[in-house]
Protein backbone atom coordinates (compact mmCIF):
# COMPACT_ATOMS: atom_id res chain seq x y z
CA MET A 1 -11.57 -43.48 95.05
CA MET A 2 -8.59 -41.12 94.99
CA SER A 3 -8.09 -38.35 97.54
CA LYS A 4 -9.15 -34.76 96.92
CA GLU A 5 -5.50 -33.69 96.79
CA ALA A 6 -4.68 -36.36 94.18
CA PHE A 7 -7.71 -35.38 92.11
CA GLU A 8 -6.79 -31.69 92.22
CA ASP A 9 -3.24 -32.52 91.13
CA LYS A 10 -4.41 -34.72 88.25
CA TYR A 11 -6.97 -32.16 87.13
CA ARG A 12 -4.53 -29.24 87.33
CA ASN A 13 -1.88 -31.06 85.26
CA MET A 14 -4.26 -32.50 82.67
CA PRO A 15 -3.34 -31.53 79.07
CA PRO A 16 -5.54 -28.61 77.87
CA LYS A 17 -7.36 -30.55 75.13
CA ARG A 18 -8.08 -33.44 77.49
CA ARG A 19 -9.45 -31.05 80.11
CA GLN A 20 -11.64 -29.36 77.47
CA VAL A 21 -13.09 -32.74 76.52
CA LEU A 22 -13.73 -33.57 80.17
CA GLU A 23 -15.45 -30.26 80.90
CA ALA A 24 -17.50 -30.41 77.70
CA PHE A 25 -18.66 -33.95 78.59
CA LEU A 26 -19.54 -32.87 82.14
CA SER A 27 -21.51 -29.89 80.79
CA GLY A 28 -23.73 -32.31 78.85
CA LYS A 29 -22.17 -32.21 75.37
CA THR A 30 -22.48 -35.36 73.27
CA ASP A 31 -19.45 -37.04 71.69
CA ARG A 32 -20.52 -35.65 68.34
CA GLU A 33 -20.72 -32.12 69.73
CA ILE A 34 -17.33 -32.50 71.40
CA LYS A 35 -15.87 -33.81 68.14
CA ASP A 36 -17.28 -30.94 66.07
CA LYS A 37 -17.25 -27.97 68.44
CA VAL A 38 -14.43 -28.65 70.91
CA LEU A 39 -11.85 -30.69 69.03
CA GLY A 40 -12.75 -29.80 65.44
CA VAL A 41 -11.99 -33.31 64.15
CA ASP A 42 -13.81 -35.80 61.94
CA ASN A 43 -13.31 -39.01 63.88
CA LYS A 44 -15.47 -39.66 66.96
CA ASN A 45 -12.84 -42.13 68.17
CA THR A 46 -10.66 -39.12 69.00
CA VAL A 47 -13.16 -38.20 71.72
CA ARG A 48 -13.15 -41.74 73.06
CA ARG A 49 -9.35 -41.77 73.19
CA HIS A 50 -9.41 -38.57 75.26
CA ILE A 51 -12.01 -40.11 77.60
CA SER A 52 -9.88 -43.26 77.88
CA ASN A 53 -6.87 -41.14 78.81
CA ILE A 54 -8.98 -39.35 81.43
CA TYR A 55 -9.88 -42.76 82.90
CA GLN A 56 -6.17 -43.48 83.24
CA ASP A 57 -5.49 -40.05 84.76
CA LEU A 58 -8.14 -40.59 87.43
CA GLY A 59 -7.41 -44.26 88.11
CA ILE A 60 -10.63 -45.63 86.57
CA GLU A 61 -10.26 -49.20 85.32
CA ALA A 62 -12.41 -49.34 82.20
CA ASN A 63 -11.47 -52.92 81.17
CA GLY A 64 -13.20 -52.43 77.83
CA CYS A 65 -16.40 -51.19 79.52
CA LYS A 66 -17.81 -47.69 79.58
CA ARG A 67 -17.27 -46.21 83.03
CA ARG A 68 -18.56 -42.72 82.45
CA ASP A 69 -20.86 -43.00 85.45
CA GLU A 70 -17.80 -43.49 87.68
CA LEU A 71 -16.07 -40.56 85.98
CA VAL A 72 -19.05 -38.30 86.70
CA GLU A 73 -19.22 -39.54 90.30
CA ILE A 74 -15.53 -38.79 90.96
CA VAL A 75 -15.69 -35.26 89.54
CA ASN A 76 -19.00 -34.57 91.29
CA THR A 77 -17.34 -35.55 94.58
CA TYR A 78 -14.39 -33.18 94.31
CA LYS A 79 -15.47 -30.51 91.80
CA PRO A 80 -19.30 -30.54 91.69
CA GLU A 81 -19.36 -27.13 90.00
CA LEU A 82 -18.10 -28.83 86.81
CA VAL A 83 -21.03 -31.25 86.51
CA ALA A 84 -24.29 -30.09 84.93
CA ASP A 85 -27.55 -31.20 86.56
CA LYS A 86 -28.68 -32.97 83.37
CA VAL A 87 -25.51 -35.09 83.49
CA LEU A 88 -26.23 -36.04 87.11
CA LYS A 89 -29.76 -37.03 86.10
CA LYS A 90 -28.51 -39.07 83.13
CA TYR A 91 -26.19 -41.11 85.32
CA GLU A 92 -28.72 -41.22 88.19
CA LEU A 93 -26.55 -39.33 90.66
CA PRO A 94 -27.94 -36.87 93.23
CA SER A 95 -27.20 -33.15 93.02
CA SER A 96 -24.80 -31.87 95.63
CA PRO A 97 -26.74 -30.24 98.50
CA THR A 98 -24.67 -27.05 98.25
CA ARG A 99 -25.35 -26.59 94.56
CA ASP A 100 -29.11 -26.76 94.63
CA ASN A 101 -29.18 -25.13 98.07
CA GLN A 102 -31.65 -27.63 99.51
CA GLU A 103 -30.72 -26.59 103.05
CA ILE A 104 -30.14 -22.88 102.42
CA TYR A 105 -33.26 -20.98 101.48
CA ILE A 106 -33.40 -17.19 101.52
CA GLU A 107 -36.91 -15.77 101.66
CA ARG A 108 -38.00 -13.02 99.29
CA PRO A 109 -40.92 -11.44 101.21
CA PRO A 110 -43.79 -11.22 100.50
CA ILE A 111 -43.55 -13.91 97.81
CA GLU A 112 -43.71 -16.92 100.12
CA ALA A 113 -46.69 -15.62 102.08
CA ARG A 114 -48.59 -14.85 98.88
CA CYS A 115 -47.96 -18.37 97.56
CA TYR A 116 -49.07 -19.98 100.83
CA GLN A 117 -52.28 -17.93 100.81
CA GLU A 118 -53.00 -18.75 97.17
CA ILE A 119 -52.37 -22.48 97.24
CA VAL A 120 -55.14 -23.16 99.75
CA LYS A 121 -57.74 -21.63 97.41
CA LEU A 122 -60.00 -23.94 95.41
CA GLY A 123 -58.59 -24.57 91.92
CA ALA A 124 -55.54 -22.39 92.60
CA LEU A 125 -52.90 -21.63 89.94
CA ILE A 126 -49.48 -20.10 90.72
CA ARG A 127 -47.17 -19.09 87.86
CA ILE A 128 -43.48 -18.71 88.81
CA LYS A 129 -41.24 -17.00 86.26
CA ALA A 130 -37.48 -16.45 86.57
CA PRO A 131 -34.29 -17.17 84.59
CA LYS A 132 -32.61 -20.51 85.08
CA ARG A 133 -31.08 -21.27 88.50
CA MET A 134 -32.78 -18.35 90.24
CA GLY A 135 -34.57 -20.48 92.84
CA LYS A 136 -37.83 -21.54 91.14
CA THR A 137 -37.48 -25.17 92.19
CA LEU A 138 -36.60 -24.22 95.75
CA LEU A 139 -39.71 -22.04 95.99
CA ILE A 140 -41.77 -24.95 94.65
CA GLN A 141 -40.32 -27.12 97.42
CA LYS A 142 -41.43 -24.55 100.00
CA ILE A 143 -44.94 -24.49 98.51
CA ILE A 144 -45.05 -28.30 98.54
CA ALA A 145 -43.99 -28.31 102.20
CA HIS A 146 -46.82 -25.88 103.01
CA GLY A 147 -49.27 -28.05 101.06
CA GLU A 148 -48.18 -31.12 103.03
CA LYS A 149 -49.06 -29.29 106.24
CA GLN A 150 -52.58 -28.90 104.84
CA GLY A 151 -52.76 -32.64 104.16
CA TYR A 152 -52.52 -32.29 100.37
CA GLU A 153 -51.27 -34.99 98.02
CA LYS A 154 -48.27 -33.57 96.22
CA ILE A 155 -46.58 -34.25 92.89
CA TYR A 156 -43.48 -32.58 91.47
CA LEU A 157 -42.87 -33.11 87.74
CA ASN A 158 -39.99 -31.73 85.70
CA MET A 159 -41.26 -31.45 82.13
CA ASP A 160 -37.86 -32.59 80.91
CA GLY A 161 -38.88 -36.13 81.84
CA LEU A 162 -41.90 -36.29 79.52
CA ASP A 163 -42.06 -37.65 75.98
CA LEU A 164 -42.45 -34.72 73.58
CA THR A 165 -42.93 -36.76 70.39
CA ASN A 166 -46.48 -35.52 69.78
CA LEU A 167 -49.48 -34.32 71.79
CA ASP A 168 -51.11 -37.74 72.27
CA ILE A 169 -47.88 -39.42 73.46
CA PHE A 170 -47.04 -36.41 75.63
CA LEU A 171 -50.41 -36.43 77.40
CA LYS A 172 -50.25 -40.20 77.98
CA SER A 173 -46.75 -39.77 79.37
CA PHE A 174 -48.01 -36.94 81.58
CA CYS A 175 -50.91 -38.99 82.95
CA GLY A 176 -48.63 -41.99 83.44
CA LYS A 177 -46.15 -39.98 85.51
CA VAL A 178 -48.93 -38.59 87.72
CA GLU A 179 -50.60 -41.95 88.35
CA LYS A 180 -47.24 -43.54 89.17
CA LYS A 181 -46.43 -40.87 91.76
CA LEU A 182 -49.91 -41.33 93.24
CA GLU A 183 -49.24 -45.10 93.33
CA LEU A 184 -52.34 -45.81 91.27
CA ARG A 185 -52.77 -48.57 88.67
CA ASN A 186 -52.44 -47.66 85.00
CA GLN A 187 -55.93 -47.31 83.53
CA LEU A 188 -55.07 -45.47 80.30
CA GLN A 189 -56.57 -48.17 78.08
CA THR A 190 -59.89 -47.79 79.88
CA TYR A 191 -60.13 -44.02 79.53
CA TRP A 192 -58.22 -43.30 76.31
CA ASN A 193 -60.42 -43.50 73.21
CA ASN A 194 -58.90 -41.72 70.22
CA SER A 195 -61.66 -42.89 67.90
CA LEU A 196 -64.30 -40.84 69.72
CA PHE A 197 -62.40 -38.12 71.60
CA THR A 198 -59.35 -35.91 71.24
CA SER A 199 -56.23 -36.50 73.30
CA VAL A 200 -57.09 -33.40 75.33
CA ASP A 201 -60.57 -34.77 76.09
CA ASN A 202 -59.08 -38.13 77.08
CA CYS A 203 -56.53 -36.51 79.38
CA THR A 204 -59.21 -34.40 81.06
CA ALA A 205 -61.44 -37.43 81.58
CA TYR A 206 -58.53 -39.42 83.00
CA PHE A 207 -57.75 -36.72 85.54
CA GLU A 208 -61.35 -35.96 86.48
CA GLU A 209 -62.89 -39.44 86.49
CA TYR A 210 -59.91 -41.47 87.69
CA LEU A 211 -56.97 -39.60 89.21
CA LEU A 212 -58.79 -36.84 91.12
CA ASP A 213 -61.74 -39.08 91.95
CA SER A 214 -59.30 -41.52 93.62
CA LEU A 215 -58.16 -38.83 96.07
CA GLU A 216 -59.85 -37.71 99.26
CA SER A 217 -57.62 -34.66 99.70
CA PRO A 218 -56.57 -31.88 97.26
CA LEU A 219 -53.76 -32.57 94.80
CA LEU A 220 -50.88 -30.07 94.60
CA LEU A 221 -49.44 -30.57 91.09
CA CYS A 222 -46.17 -28.71 90.44
CA LEU A 223 -44.83 -28.54 86.88
CA ASP A 224 -41.23 -27.32 86.63
CA ASP A 225 -39.41 -26.28 83.43
CA LEU A 226 -42.67 -25.69 81.57
CA ASP A 227 -40.53 -24.01 78.88
CA ARG A 228 -39.87 -27.50 77.52
CA VAL A 229 -43.27 -27.53 75.83
CA PHE A 230 -42.92 -24.01 74.40
CA HIS A 231 -40.69 -25.30 71.60
CA HIS A 232 -43.24 -27.91 70.45
CA GLN A 233 -46.14 -26.02 68.95
CA GLU A 234 -48.66 -28.86 68.73
CA ILE A 235 -48.04 -29.84 72.35
CA ALA A 236 -48.04 -26.24 73.61
CA GLU A 237 -51.29 -25.41 71.80
CA GLY A 238 -52.96 -28.47 73.33
CA PHE A 239 -51.47 -28.67 76.82
CA LEU A 240 -51.40 -25.02 77.90
CA PRO A 241 -55.11 -24.33 77.22
CA LEU A 242 -55.77 -27.62 79.03
CA LEU A 243 -54.15 -26.22 82.18
CA ARG A 244 -56.24 -23.06 81.83
CA SER A 245 -59.46 -25.07 81.45
CA TRP A 246 -58.67 -27.14 84.56
CA HIS A 247 -58.02 -23.97 86.54
CA GLU A 248 -61.29 -22.43 85.36
CA SER A 249 -63.21 -25.64 86.15
CA GLY A 250 -61.84 -25.44 89.69
CA LYS A 251 -64.08 -22.43 90.34
CA PHE A 252 -67.29 -24.45 90.18
CA ASP A 253 -66.67 -28.19 89.66
CA ASP A 254 -66.16 -30.29 92.80
CA SER A 255 -63.62 -32.62 91.18
CA TRP A 256 -61.44 -29.82 89.82
CA LYS A 257 -61.62 -27.87 93.07
CA LYS A 258 -59.21 -30.49 94.38
CA LEU A 259 -56.49 -29.53 91.90
CA ARG A 260 -53.96 -26.85 92.88
CA LEU A 261 -51.49 -26.04 90.08
CA VAL A 262 -47.99 -24.55 90.31
CA VAL A 263 -46.09 -23.99 87.06
CA ALA A 264 -42.55 -22.62 86.67
CA HIS A 265 -40.87 -21.31 83.53
CA ALA A 266 -37.84 -19.23 82.56
CA THR A 267 -39.10 -17.32 79.51
CA GLU A 268 -42.29 -15.77 78.22
CA PHE A 269 -44.57 -18.00 76.15
CA TYR A 270 -44.42 -16.71 72.58
CA ILE A 271 -46.79 -18.96 70.59
CA ASN A 272 -50.04 -17.17 69.82
CA LEU A 273 -52.89 -18.42 72.00
CA ASP A 274 -56.42 -17.15 72.31
CA ILE A 275 -56.35 -14.84 75.34
CA ASN A 276 -59.24 -16.84 76.80
CA LYS A 277 -57.26 -20.10 76.55
CA SER A 278 -53.90 -18.97 77.89
CA PRO A 279 -52.85 -19.96 81.44
CA PHE A 280 -50.47 -17.00 81.53
CA ASN A 281 -53.07 -14.31 82.26
CA VAL A 282 -54.85 -16.05 85.16
CA GLY A 283 -53.88 -17.18 88.63
CA LEU A 284 -51.13 -15.64 90.76
CA PRO A 285 -48.03 -14.46 88.87
CA ILE A 286 -44.74 -14.65 90.78
CA GLU A 287 -41.48 -13.25 89.38
CA LEU A 288 -38.25 -14.05 91.21
CA LEU A 289 -35.73 -11.24 91.25
CA GLU A 290 -32.08 -11.33 92.27
CA PHE A 291 -31.14 -11.05 95.94
CA ASP A 292 -30.49 -7.64 97.45
CA SER A 293 -27.40 -6.99 99.60
CA ASP A 294 -29.12 -7.96 102.87
CA GLN A 295 -30.29 -11.25 101.36
CA VAL A 296 -26.80 -11.89 99.97
CA LYS A 297 -25.31 -11.39 103.43
CA ARG A 298 -27.84 -13.83 104.95
CA PHE A 299 -27.10 -16.28 102.16
CA ALA A 300 -23.39 -16.11 102.98
CA GLN A 301 -24.16 -16.70 106.65
CA GLY A 302 -25.98 -19.87 105.65
CA TYR A 303 -22.59 -21.12 104.41
CA GLY A 304 -20.93 -20.11 107.67
CA LEU A 305 -19.41 -16.96 106.15
CA ASN A 306 -19.56 -13.58 107.86
CA LEU A 307 -18.67 -11.27 104.97
CA SER A 308 -18.11 -7.57 105.45
CA VAL A 309 -20.24 -4.99 103.68
CA ASP A 310 -17.26 -4.26 101.41
CA SER A 311 -16.91 -7.94 100.46
CA VAL A 312 -20.61 -8.27 99.70
CA THR A 313 -20.40 -5.14 97.55
CA LYS A 314 -17.39 -6.44 95.60
CA LEU A 315 -18.97 -9.85 95.03
CA MET A 316 -22.26 -8.35 93.85
CA ALA A 317 -20.35 -6.02 91.52
CA MET A 318 -19.20 -9.17 89.72
CA VAL A 319 -22.22 -11.55 89.85
CA GLY A 320 -25.08 -9.36 91.04
CA GLY A 321 -27.59 -11.07 93.31
CA HIS A 322 -27.82 -14.23 91.22
CA PRO A 323 -28.45 -17.11 93.68
CA ASP A 324 -26.56 -19.83 91.82
CA LEU A 325 -23.49 -17.74 91.01
CA LEU A 326 -23.41 -16.61 94.65
CA SER A 327 -23.77 -20.17 95.95
CA GLN A 328 -20.78 -21.31 93.90
CA ALA A 329 -18.72 -18.46 95.33
CA PHE A 330 -19.80 -19.17 98.92
CA ASP A 331 -19.17 -22.89 98.51
CA TYR A 332 -15.62 -22.09 97.36
CA LEU A 333 -14.98 -19.54 100.11
CA LYS A 334 -16.20 -21.79 102.93
CA ASN A 335 -13.61 -24.39 101.97
CA HIS A 336 -10.68 -21.96 102.09
CA GLN A 337 -8.97 -20.22 104.95
CA VAL A 338 -9.24 -16.43 105.39
CA ALA A 339 -12.29 -15.97 103.18
CA GLU A 340 -11.93 -12.19 102.94
CA LYS A 341 -8.49 -12.50 101.29
CA THR A 342 -9.53 -15.45 99.14
CA LEU A 343 -12.40 -13.39 97.74
CA ASP A 344 -10.00 -11.08 95.91
CA THR A 345 -8.39 -14.04 94.16
CA LEU A 346 -11.78 -15.55 93.37
CA LEU A 347 -12.97 -12.30 91.79
CA ALA A 348 -9.75 -11.79 89.83
CA ASN A 349 -10.13 -15.24 88.24
CA ALA A 350 -13.93 -15.28 88.04
CA PRO A 351 -14.35 -14.02 84.43
CA THR A 352 -11.67 -16.42 83.13
CA GLU A 353 -11.41 -20.13 82.52
CA ALA A 354 -9.09 -20.38 85.51
CA GLY A 355 -11.93 -19.38 87.85
CA ILE A 356 -14.73 -21.21 89.60
CA TYR A 357 -17.28 -20.36 86.88
CA ARG A 358 -15.22 -21.92 84.07
CA THR A 359 -17.69 -24.68 83.20
CA HIS A 360 -20.70 -22.38 83.34
CA LEU A 361 -19.02 -19.74 81.17
CA TYR A 362 -17.68 -22.28 78.69
CA SER A 363 -21.12 -23.84 78.35
CA LEU A 364 -22.66 -20.43 77.61
CA LEU A 365 -19.91 -19.65 75.10
CA THR A 366 -20.33 -22.89 73.14
CA ASN A 367 -24.11 -22.43 73.14
CA ILE A 368 -23.74 -18.93 71.70
CA GLN A 369 -21.08 -19.86 69.15
CA GLU A 370 -23.32 -22.59 67.75
CA HIS A 371 -25.92 -19.96 66.80
CA PRO A 372 -24.59 -17.05 64.67
CA GLN A 373 -27.56 -14.82 65.53
CA LEU A 374 -26.90 -15.19 69.25
CA LEU A 375 -23.19 -14.55 68.71
CA ASP A 376 -23.94 -11.32 66.81
CA ALA A 377 -26.32 -10.24 69.57
CA VAL A 378 -23.75 -10.83 72.33
CA LYS A 379 -21.20 -8.85 70.32
CA GLN A 380 -23.62 -5.92 70.39
CA LEU A 381 -24.21 -6.32 74.12
CA VAL A 382 -20.51 -6.34 75.07
CA SER A 383 -19.73 -3.42 72.76
CA THR A 384 -21.68 -0.91 74.86
CA PRO A 385 -22.51 -0.49 78.55
CA LYS A 386 -26.00 0.71 77.61
CA PRO A 387 -29.04 -1.55 77.13
CA VAL A 388 -29.50 -2.74 73.55
CA ARG A 389 -32.68 -3.39 71.58
CA LEU A 390 -32.46 -6.81 69.96
CA ASP A 391 -34.91 -8.87 67.95
CA ALA A 392 -37.54 -10.10 70.41
CA THR A 393 -36.93 -13.78 69.58
CA ILE A 394 -33.18 -13.39 70.14
CA THR A 395 -33.82 -11.64 73.46
CA ARG A 396 -36.05 -14.51 74.58
CA LYS A 397 -33.39 -17.08 73.68
CA LEU A 398 -30.69 -15.18 75.58
CA GLU A 399 -33.07 -14.77 78.49
CA SER A 400 -33.82 -18.50 78.49
CA ILE A 401 -30.14 -19.30 79.17
CA GLY A 402 -30.00 -16.59 81.86
CA LEU A 403 -27.60 -14.30 80.01
CA VAL A 404 -29.61 -11.07 79.83
CA GLU A 405 -32.07 -8.99 81.80
CA HIS A 406 -34.79 -6.70 80.45
CA HIS A 407 -34.96 -2.90 80.53
CA GLY A 408 -38.34 -2.29 78.95
CA ASN A 409 -37.94 -3.47 75.34
CA ASP A 410 -34.15 -3.37 75.63
CA CYS A 411 -31.80 -5.76 77.39
CA SER A 412 -28.28 -5.94 78.82
CA LEU A 413 -25.94 -8.67 80.04
CA ARG A 414 -27.07 -9.85 83.45
CA CYS A 415 -23.84 -9.21 85.33
CA ASN A 416 -20.26 -8.00 85.04
CA LEU A 417 -19.02 -11.61 85.06
CA TYR A 418 -20.61 -12.16 81.66
CA ARG A 419 -19.55 -8.77 80.31
CA GLN A 420 -15.88 -9.33 81.15
CA TYR A 421 -15.77 -12.94 79.99
CA PHE A 422 -17.49 -12.39 76.65
CA SER A 423 -15.66 -9.13 76.03
CA ASP A 424 -12.44 -11.12 76.20
CA ARG A 425 -13.63 -14.30 74.48
CA ILE A 426 -15.67 -12.69 71.69
CA LEU A 427 -14.06 -9.28 71.16
CA GLY A 428 -10.62 -10.08 72.55
CA ASN A 429 -10.79 -7.24 75.10
CA ARG A 430 -10.18 -7.57 78.83
CA GLU A 431 -11.94 -4.84 80.81
């Protein structure tokens, strides 16, 4: 594999179109999307030619074979901020420790203590809500660690890994994932009877009579990215009331007392559910907010940086207290000499495609440009410094990608980074 210096040189001197193709691919865009949205051409082979040229640039010997896994691995080694998590998962590569902050956790008292107290209760349910990349998964890991100290069995499931074809297939996939993590034999054929019972009934029986009954200790079941089911009405209307019923059964049924649920989601659930069937009005609600200045300073110290009050203030003026945006900045600063001086350069370039957030910003831009309603909404948001009242569905969609924050029924762009970038890219104004 080439050296970091060689990679930086190749990347810096890459033709603009080729670099756009590379960054779009690393952000998770398909060849078709790159063809249509990035290059604006009709022939998909044009994308493949660009990828082939990138192989040559980076010294990857394709020999007629697809080597995109090696391409992802090289970029993830030297510029991990360019590679989206879903791309790492697709090519079965681990996230970089600095990006998901596995070793740097900043507490948000009293949230952790409340979660630890709740999870030991019979039939507990904790609901964690926050925009993407705000630390939901890290908090889940802390809860799991606390559960392990109590001797609990633990399962972490990202809903992105389940089959969302229909409710029956989804629930079978769900049960299959749980049994596999518990290292139990597949008994779906024994318990699943669609001729006599509904898929929901079958799933409940499978959990109660087989999975939970096989355990001597409580099961801590953590479901991340629950938003995935929100966009599939049949699945949402079957699965979400199911979670509520299991939680309610945990108050009196010995089998269900073993189950402790943690669910995490980025947006509000907006499909109409009977209030008595919704899991979003029971249990312990937890909302993760951005870090305050003291937490930001401690976060920087976790990266070996001792930033002044003035530096913390300037950085937060650009990205707020957003954990992921801060971590990218700290990861950059720790690898450069004289961090205080480097910060000014970082901030000057931050809202541009020459800065460290280029892939993140470009991904947001392409997402917005693909949906005219979102584009019109962002135009409104960058046209005024005041909060704007948008259609509720549009607000939810912008919230789901982490672009806005609420002010009552109104919303505004989450940070100055987004305001400056989109003001320039959408309105053609640099602030």
